[in-house]
Amino acid sequence: MDETAEVICEKQGEAGIITLNRPRALNALTLTMVREMRRALGAWARDPAVTRIVVQGAGEKAFCAGGDIRRLTELLQAGERDEALAFWREEYQLNIAIKRYPKPYISLIDGIVMGGGVGVSLHGSHRVAGERYLFAMPEVGIGFFPDVGATYALPRLPGSFGMYLALTGERVKQADALMLGLATHAVKSEAVEALRQDLIAGVPVEEALAKAASDPGPAPLTEHRALIDACFSAESVAAVLQRLDEAASRGSDFAAKTAAGMRTKSPMSMSIAFEQVRRGASLDFEEAMKTEFRIVSRIGEDKDFFEGVRAVLIDKDNQPRWNPASLDAVTREAIDRHFASLGPQELEIA
């Protein structure tokens, strides 16, 4: 076993263990990692000695903070579009393999889980949230869009929480994750290792999880459920903001803060995300992933993705200059272009 590998896939007891092993990069996904995970999952699906999969992140900060976005933008800017799309194509195919996986697939998440990390955990059968769990799909803040299956998953959260998370990129901690169904179980951080050992030892999955589970307490977002449902069920991003402004004028600090945060995001990205969640409610998982590949195939032609990465990840001035600069300037034609068929370049569903 190569301890320096970006991802370590090994059999221990009855478990196939996948360790995302780039702790200095918050375990951000690379194409090498995606391919190795797919290879191991395929082999273990056929191996009767492996009765469950356990996925974890190295280090204490992150399960996985997403894809290697800086690398992908460098490829796009260098004209290496096919290489960048190869990552997204194979990442989305991995997401589909996880969704379809025939054995229990347990993610042990005791840290940051964002973007691509959501894709390799949320679609599995069990998501275990430790006390350091921190979820977000913050893509609209970098001129991108919530992908890796968010088109399918977000519309299926309770009420309008999926639209809220898509348009705001807000972070969700352990108790809220359990309430929303982003996590299936909550555990204390010190219980994660014992749970891992039980899973390796072959303790029945549901029994091991029930033994480790703890009550994370009340979910803070519950307090705002009525307001979120009322505002984020509106017919457009502009209408969402109008409802938030009206609630703020009646004294809601939560609405005021939420609206202010949204106004810093890419108008085009929010418009795409709104359309994703709206359409995704009626799509099956494979159709949702095909939709996302259509969007990502065009996002590299937009200026906002490069500008958002510059402002947030490279220069870190947090002063992106979005184009278009306002929701009013986003046209229906521009939104629909991202969702149009790719013809022979559509995502292949293996």
Protein backbone atom coordinates (compact mmCIF):
# COMPACT_ATOMS: atom_id res chain seq x y z
CA MET A 1 0.00 0.00 0.00
CA ASP A 2 1.35 3.42 -1.01
CA GLU A 3 0.77 5.84 1.88
CA THR A 4 1.64 8.77 -0.44
CA ALA A 5 -1.09 7.88 -2.95
CA GLU A 6 -3.82 10.46 -3.50
CA VAL A 7 -6.41 7.84 -2.60
CA ILE A 8 -5.82 4.58 -0.72
CA CYS A 9 -8.16 1.68 -1.51
CA GLU A 10 -7.68 -1.44 0.60
CA LYS A 11 -9.60 -4.35 2.04
CA GLN A 12 -9.75 -4.60 5.82
CA GLY A 13 -11.88 -7.35 7.29
CA GLU A 14 -15.25 -7.25 5.58
CA ALA A 15 -14.85 -3.64 4.44
CA GLY A 16 -13.50 -2.03 1.33
CA ILE A 17 -11.86 1.09 2.76
CA ILE A 18 -11.39 4.19 0.61
CA THR A 19 -9.24 6.93 2.16
CA LEU A 20 -9.10 10.26 0.33
CA ASN A 21 -5.47 11.09 1.01
CA ARG A 22 -4.68 14.72 0.16
CA PRO A 23 -5.08 16.31 3.60
CA ARG A 24 -3.04 19.42 2.71
CA ALA A 25 -5.48 20.06 -0.16
CA LEU A 26 -8.48 19.22 2.07
CA ASN A 27 -8.69 15.92 0.15
CA ALA A 28 -9.80 17.69 -3.04
CA LEU A 29 -10.56 15.22 -5.83
CA THR A 30 -8.33 14.67 -8.84
CA LEU A 31 -8.96 12.57 -11.93
CA THR A 32 -6.51 9.97 -10.60
CA MET A 33 -8.59 9.66 -7.43
CA VAL A 34 -11.84 9.38 -9.36
CA ARG A 35 -10.43 6.61 -11.55
CA GLU A 36 -8.96 4.65 -8.66
CA MET A 37 -12.21 4.86 -6.69
CA ARG A 38 -14.18 3.62 -9.69
CA ARG A 39 -11.75 0.73 -10.22
CA ALA A 40 -11.87 -0.35 -6.56
CA LEU A 41 -15.66 -0.05 -6.30
CA GLY A 42 -16.08 -2.16 -9.42
CA ALA A 43 -13.79 -4.89 -8.06
CA TRP A 44 -15.40 -4.89 -4.61
CA ALA A 45 -18.92 -5.08 -6.03
CA ARG A 46 -17.94 -8.51 -7.41
CA ASP A 47 -16.00 -9.63 -4.31
CA PRO A 48 -18.17 -11.63 -1.85
CA ALA A 49 -15.59 -11.06 0.91
CA VAL A 50 -16.38 -7.33 0.85
CA THR A 51 -19.78 -6.73 2.43
CA ARG A 52 -19.63 -2.94 2.80
CA ILE A 53 -17.69 0.12 1.63
CA VAL A 54 -16.30 2.71 4.06
CA VAL A 55 -15.15 6.09 2.69
CA GLN A 56 -13.15 8.53 4.81
CA GLY A 57 -10.86 11.55 4.50
CA ALA A 58 -7.30 11.77 5.78
CA GLY A 59 -6.55 14.39 8.42
CA GLU A 60 -8.91 16.13 10.79
CA LYS A 61 -10.09 19.11 8.72
CA ALA A 62 -11.94 17.65 5.77
CA PHE A 63 -13.68 14.63 4.36
CA CYS A 64 -13.36 16.25 0.92
CA ALA A 65 -13.64 19.94 0.10
CA GLY A 66 -14.49 19.40 -3.59
CA GLY A 67 -12.79 18.97 -6.92
CA ASP A 68 -9.44 20.54 -7.69
CA ILE A 69 -11.05 23.68 -9.10
CA ARG A 70 -7.83 25.64 -9.53
CA ARG A 71 -6.38 22.86 -11.68
CA LEU A 72 -9.56 22.67 -13.77
CA THR A 73 -9.63 26.41 -14.43
CA GLU A 74 -5.95 26.31 -15.42
CA LEU A 75 -6.76 23.58 -17.96
CA LEU A 76 -9.66 25.57 -19.40
CA GLN A 77 -7.63 28.76 -19.63
CA ALA A 78 -4.84 26.86 -21.37
CA GLY A 79 -7.29 25.58 -23.97
CA GLU A 80 -7.20 22.04 -22.56
CA ARG A 81 -10.98 21.80 -22.53
CA ASP A 82 -11.13 18.08 -23.29
CA GLU A 83 -8.89 17.26 -20.34
CA ALA A 84 -11.01 19.34 -17.97
CA LEU A 85 -14.20 17.75 -19.26
CA ALA A 86 -12.65 14.30 -18.79
CA PHE A 87 -12.51 14.98 -15.05
CA TRP A 88 -16.14 16.05 -14.85
CA ARG A 89 -17.31 13.23 -17.13
CA GLU A 90 -15.62 10.56 -15.05
CA GLU A 91 -16.54 12.23 -11.75
CA TYR A 92 -20.22 12.22 -12.72
CA GLN A 93 -19.97 8.60 -13.86
CA LEU A 94 -18.49 7.77 -10.44
CA ASN A 95 -21.42 9.55 -8.78
CA ILE A 96 -23.80 7.34 -10.77
CA ALA A 97 -21.86 4.20 -9.77
CA ILE A 98 -22.15 5.21 -6.11
CA LYS A 99 -25.88 5.88 -6.43
CA ARG A 100 -26.37 2.43 -7.99
CA TYR A 101 -23.94 0.62 -5.69
CA PRO A 102 -25.22 -2.83 -4.67
CA LYS A 103 -23.62 -2.92 -1.21
CA PRO A 104 -23.83 -0.60 1.81
CA TYR A 105 -21.71 2.49 1.13
CA ILE A 106 -20.89 4.33 4.35
CA SER A 107 -19.21 7.74 4.36
CA LEU A 108 -17.59 8.81 7.64
CA ILE A 109 -17.72 12.61 7.48
CA ASP A 110 -16.14 14.44 10.40
CA GLY A 111 -15.07 17.67 8.73
CA ILE A 112 -15.65 19.71 5.59
CA VAL A 113 -17.74 18.14 2.82
CA MET A 114 -18.32 20.38 -0.18
CA GLY A 115 -18.65 20.12 -3.95
CA GLY A 116 -17.06 16.91 -5.21
CA GLY A 117 -16.95 15.58 -1.65
CA VAL A 118 -20.73 15.72 -1.61
CA GLY A 119 -20.76 13.70 -4.83
CA VAL A 120 -18.75 10.83 -3.36
CA SER A 121 -20.78 10.67 -0.15
CA LEU A 122 -24.36 11.93 -0.47
CA HIS A 123 -25.49 9.33 -3.01
CA GLY A 124 -24.31 6.35 -0.97
CA SER A 125 -26.60 4.43 1.37
CA HIS A 126 -25.27 5.89 4.66
CA ARG A 127 -23.77 9.28 5.56
CA VAL A 128 -22.39 9.51 9.09
CA ALA A 129 -21.85 13.07 10.36
CA GLY A 130 -19.34 13.70 13.13
CA GLU A 131 -19.35 16.80 15.29
CA ARG A 132 -16.99 18.63 12.89
CA TYR A 133 -19.27 17.98 9.90
CA LEU A 134 -19.62 21.04 7.66
CA PHE A 135 -21.58 20.78 4.40
CA ALA A 136 -21.96 23.35 1.65
CA MET A 137 -22.54 23.63 -2.06
CA PRO A 138 -20.99 27.11 -2.44
CA GLU A 139 -20.55 27.06 -6.21
CA VAL A 140 -22.68 30.13 -7.04
CA GLY A 141 -20.04 32.16 -5.18
CA ILE A 142 -17.35 31.19 -7.71
CA GLY A 143 -19.39 31.48 -10.91
CA PHE A 144 -20.02 27.73 -11.09
CA PHE A 145 -23.13 25.69 -10.23
CA PRO A 146 -24.11 22.98 -7.70
CA ASP A 147 -23.15 19.78 -9.51
CA VAL A 148 -22.18 16.17 -8.58
CA GLY A 149 -25.84 15.17 -8.37
CA ALA A 150 -27.19 18.29 -6.63
CA THR A 151 -29.71 18.63 -9.47
CA TYR A 152 -31.32 15.43 -8.18
CA ALA A 153 -30.62 15.67 -4.44
CA LEU A 154 -31.45 19.29 -3.60
CA PRO A 155 -35.08 19.28 -4.88
CA ARG A 156 -35.69 16.21 -2.69
CA LEU A 157 -34.76 17.91 0.58
CA PRO A 158 -37.69 18.98 2.81
CA GLY A 159 -39.67 22.03 1.74
CA SER A 160 -37.60 24.66 -0.06
CA PHE A 161 -34.34 23.91 1.73
CA GLY A 162 -32.75 22.61 -1.48
CA MET A 163 -33.37 25.87 -3.32
CA TYR A 164 -32.10 27.77 -0.27
CA LEU A 165 -28.83 25.82 -0.23
CA ALA A 166 -28.38 26.10 -4.01
CA LEU A 167 -28.85 29.88 -4.16
CA THR A 168 -27.02 30.84 -0.96
CA GLY A 169 -24.20 28.29 -0.64
CA GLU A 170 -24.82 28.43 3.12
CA ARG A 171 -23.04 25.99 5.39
CA VAL A 172 -24.86 23.23 7.25
CA LYS A 173 -23.62 21.59 10.44
CA GLN A 174 -24.36 18.24 12.02
CA ALA A 175 -27.83 18.72 13.53
CA ASP A 176 -29.22 20.45 10.43
CA ALA A 177 -27.68 17.79 8.18
CA LEU A 178 -29.52 15.08 10.08
CA MET A 179 -32.79 17.04 9.97
CA LEU A 180 -32.47 17.62 6.22
CA GLY A 181 -31.45 14.06 5.40
CA LEU A 182 -28.01 15.08 4.16
CA ALA A 183 -26.74 12.80 6.92
CA THR A 184 -28.38 9.52 7.90
CA HIS A 185 -26.67 9.30 11.31
CA ALA A 186 -24.93 11.66 13.73
CA VAL A 187 -22.07 10.50 15.96
CA LYS A 188 -19.67 12.08 18.41
CA SER A 189 -16.24 12.61 16.90
CA GLU A 190 -14.60 10.30 19.41
CA ALA A 191 -16.98 7.48 18.36
CA VAL A 192 -15.98 7.49 14.69
CA GLU A 193 -12.98 5.17 15.10
CA ALA A 194 -14.93 2.57 17.08
CA LEU A 195 -17.62 2.64 14.40
CA ARG A 196 -15.00 2.14 11.71
CA GLN A 197 -13.60 -0.87 13.55
CA ASP A 198 -17.07 -2.37 13.96
CA LEU A 199 -17.68 -1.99 10.23
CA ILE A 200 -14.34 -3.63 9.45
CA ALA A 201 -15.14 -6.46 11.85
CA GLY A 202 -18.35 -7.26 10.01
CA VAL A 203 -20.87 -6.07 12.58
CA PRO A 204 -24.16 -5.68 10.65
CA VAL A 205 -24.17 -2.16 9.22
CA GLU A 206 -27.45 -0.99 10.78
CA GLU A 207 -26.45 -2.45 14.16
CA ALA A 208 -23.05 -0.74 14.08
CA LEU A 209 -24.58 2.60 13.14
CA ALA A 210 -27.31 2.38 15.77
CA LYS A 211 -24.70 1.59 18.43
CA ALA A 212 -22.59 4.63 17.48
CA ALA A 213 -25.39 7.14 16.86
CA SER A 214 -25.94 10.11 19.16
CA ASP A 215 -28.45 12.94 19.36
CA PRO A 216 -26.93 16.15 17.97
CA GLY A 217 -29.63 18.31 19.56
CA PRO A 218 -32.04 20.72 17.88
CA ALA A 219 -31.48 21.76 14.28
CA PRO A 220 -30.99 25.56 14.09
CA LEU A 221 -32.51 25.86 10.59
CA THR A 222 -35.84 24.54 11.88
CA GLU A 223 -36.47 27.99 13.37
CA HIS A 224 -36.34 29.49 9.86
CA ARG A 225 -38.25 26.74 8.01
CA ALA A 226 -41.42 28.78 7.43
CA LEU A 227 -39.50 31.79 6.10
CA ILE A 228 -37.26 29.65 3.86
CA ASP A 229 -40.27 27.83 2.44
CA ALA A 230 -42.14 31.09 1.84
CA CYS A 231 -39.24 32.91 0.17
CA PHE A 232 -37.46 30.15 -1.74
CA SER A 233 -40.63 28.80 -3.33
CA ALA A 234 -40.89 32.00 -5.41
CA GLU A 235 -40.99 31.81 -9.21
CA SER A 236 -37.54 33.30 -9.92
CA VAL A 237 -34.32 34.36 -8.22
CA ALA A 238 -35.46 37.98 -8.35
CA ALA A 239 -38.75 37.01 -6.70
CA VAL A 240 -36.87 35.11 -3.98
CA LEU A 241 -34.88 38.26 -3.23
CA GLN A 242 -38.02 40.38 -3.23
CA ARG A 243 -39.66 38.11 -0.67
CA LEU A 244 -36.51 38.13 1.47
CA ASP A 245 -36.41 41.94 1.31
CA GLU A 246 -40.05 42.11 2.39
CA ALA A 247 -39.35 39.78 5.32
CA ALA A 248 -36.32 41.88 6.24
CA SER A 249 -38.45 45.02 6.21
CA ARG A 250 -40.69 43.31 8.77
CA GLY A 251 -37.69 42.79 11.04
CA SER A 252 -36.19 39.46 10.00
CA ASP A 253 -32.42 39.61 10.47
CA PHE A 254 -32.14 36.14 8.92
CA ALA A 255 -33.86 37.34 5.73
CA ALA A 256 -31.70 40.46 5.57
CA LYS A 257 -28.48 38.49 5.97
CA THR A 258 -29.60 35.87 3.44
CA ALA A 259 -30.50 38.49 0.82
CA ALA A 260 -27.24 40.37 1.35
CA GLY A 261 -25.27 37.16 0.88
CA MET A 262 -27.12 36.27 -2.32
CA ARG A 263 -26.36 39.67 -3.80
CA THR A 264 -22.63 38.86 -3.69
CA LYS A 265 -23.10 35.71 -5.84
CA SER A 266 -22.94 35.36 -9.60
CA PRO A 267 -26.31 36.34 -11.13
CA MET A 268 -25.79 33.83 -13.94
CA SER A 269 -24.83 31.03 -11.56
CA MET A 270 -27.85 31.67 -9.34
CA SER A 271 -30.09 31.66 -12.40
CA ILE A 272 -28.64 28.32 -13.54
CA ALA A 273 -28.94 26.87 -10.03
CA PHE A 274 -32.57 27.98 -9.78
CA GLU A 275 -33.34 26.27 -13.08
CA GLN A 276 -31.47 23.12 -11.97
CA VAL A 277 -33.51 22.72 -8.81
CA ARG A 278 -36.75 23.50 -10.64
CA ARG A 279 -36.06 20.93 -13.36
CA GLY A 280 -34.39 18.39 -11.10
CA ALA A 281 -37.54 17.61 -9.15
CA SER A 282 -38.87 15.63 -12.13
CA LEU A 283 -35.61 14.01 -13.30
CA ASP A 284 -34.22 10.61 -12.38
CA PHE A 285 -30.62 10.46 -11.22
CA GLU A 286 -29.08 9.60 -14.59
CA GLU A 287 -31.05 12.39 -16.31
CA ALA A 288 -29.89 14.82 -13.63
CA MET A 289 -26.27 13.88 -14.21
CA LYS A 290 -26.67 14.27 -17.97
CA THR A 291 -28.12 17.74 -17.31
CA GLU A 292 -25.11 18.67 -15.19
CA PHE A 293 -22.69 17.52 -17.88
CA ARG A 294 -24.51 19.76 -20.36
CA ILE A 295 -24.06 22.71 -18.01
CA VAL A 296 -20.42 22.03 -17.17
CA SER A 297 -19.62 21.63 -20.88
CA ARG A 298 -20.67 25.26 -21.36
CA ILE A 299 -19.59 26.84 -18.08
CA GLY A 300 -16.00 27.14 -19.33
CA GLU A 301 -17.28 29.47 -22.03
CA ASP A 302 -18.65 31.84 -19.38
CA LYS A 303 -16.47 34.55 -17.85
CA ASP A 304 -17.91 34.20 -14.35
CA PHE A 305 -16.24 30.87 -13.52
CA PHE A 306 -12.75 32.25 -14.15
CA GLU A 307 -13.58 35.51 -12.38
CA GLY A 308 -15.03 33.73 -9.35
CA VAL A 309 -12.03 31.44 -8.99
CA ARG A 310 -9.73 34.44 -9.32
CA ALA A 311 -11.56 36.47 -6.67
CA VAL A 312 -12.13 33.68 -4.15
CA LEU A 313 -9.30 31.16 -4.61
CA ILE A 314 -6.39 32.94 -6.31
CA ASP A 315 -6.25 36.67 -5.53
CA LYS A 316 -8.64 36.19 -2.58
CA ASP A 317 -9.87 39.77 -2.81
CA ASN A 318 -13.48 38.52 -2.70
CA GLN A 319 -14.42 41.26 -5.16
CA PRO A 320 -15.62 39.39 -8.25
CA ARG A 321 -16.82 41.43 -11.20
CA TRP A 322 -19.68 39.33 -12.49
CA ASN A 323 -20.77 39.43 -16.13
CA PRO A 324 -23.68 39.96 -16.41
CA ALA A 325 -23.57 42.09 -13.29
CA SER A 326 -27.27 41.88 -12.39
CA LEU A 327 -30.14 39.41 -12.48
CA ASP A 328 -32.03 41.75 -14.81
CA ALA A 329 -29.29 41.29 -17.42
CA VAL A 330 -29.49 37.47 -17.40
CA THR A 331 -31.56 36.39 -20.38
CA ARG A 332 -33.77 33.34 -20.74
CA GLU A 333 -31.75 32.40 -23.82
CA ALA A 334 -28.49 32.48 -21.83
CA ILE A 335 -29.93 30.17 -19.17
CA ASP A 336 -31.44 27.71 -21.64
CA ARG A 337 -28.19 27.47 -23.58
CA HIS A 338 -26.59 25.68 -20.63
CA PHE A 339 -29.32 23.00 -20.59
CA ALA A 340 -29.44 22.22 -24.32
CA SER A 341 -28.53 18.75 -25.58
CA LEU A 342 -24.90 18.02 -26.44
CA GLY A 343 -25.86 15.53 -29.13
CA PRO A 344 -23.05 12.97 -29.56
CA GLN A 345 -21.12 14.57 -26.67
CA GLU A 346 -23.77 13.71 -24.05
CA LEU A 347 -22.64 12.04 -20.83
CA GLU A 348 -22.35 8.29 -21.35
CA ILE A 349 -24.17 6.21 -18.74
CA ALA A 350 -22.17 2.99 -18.42
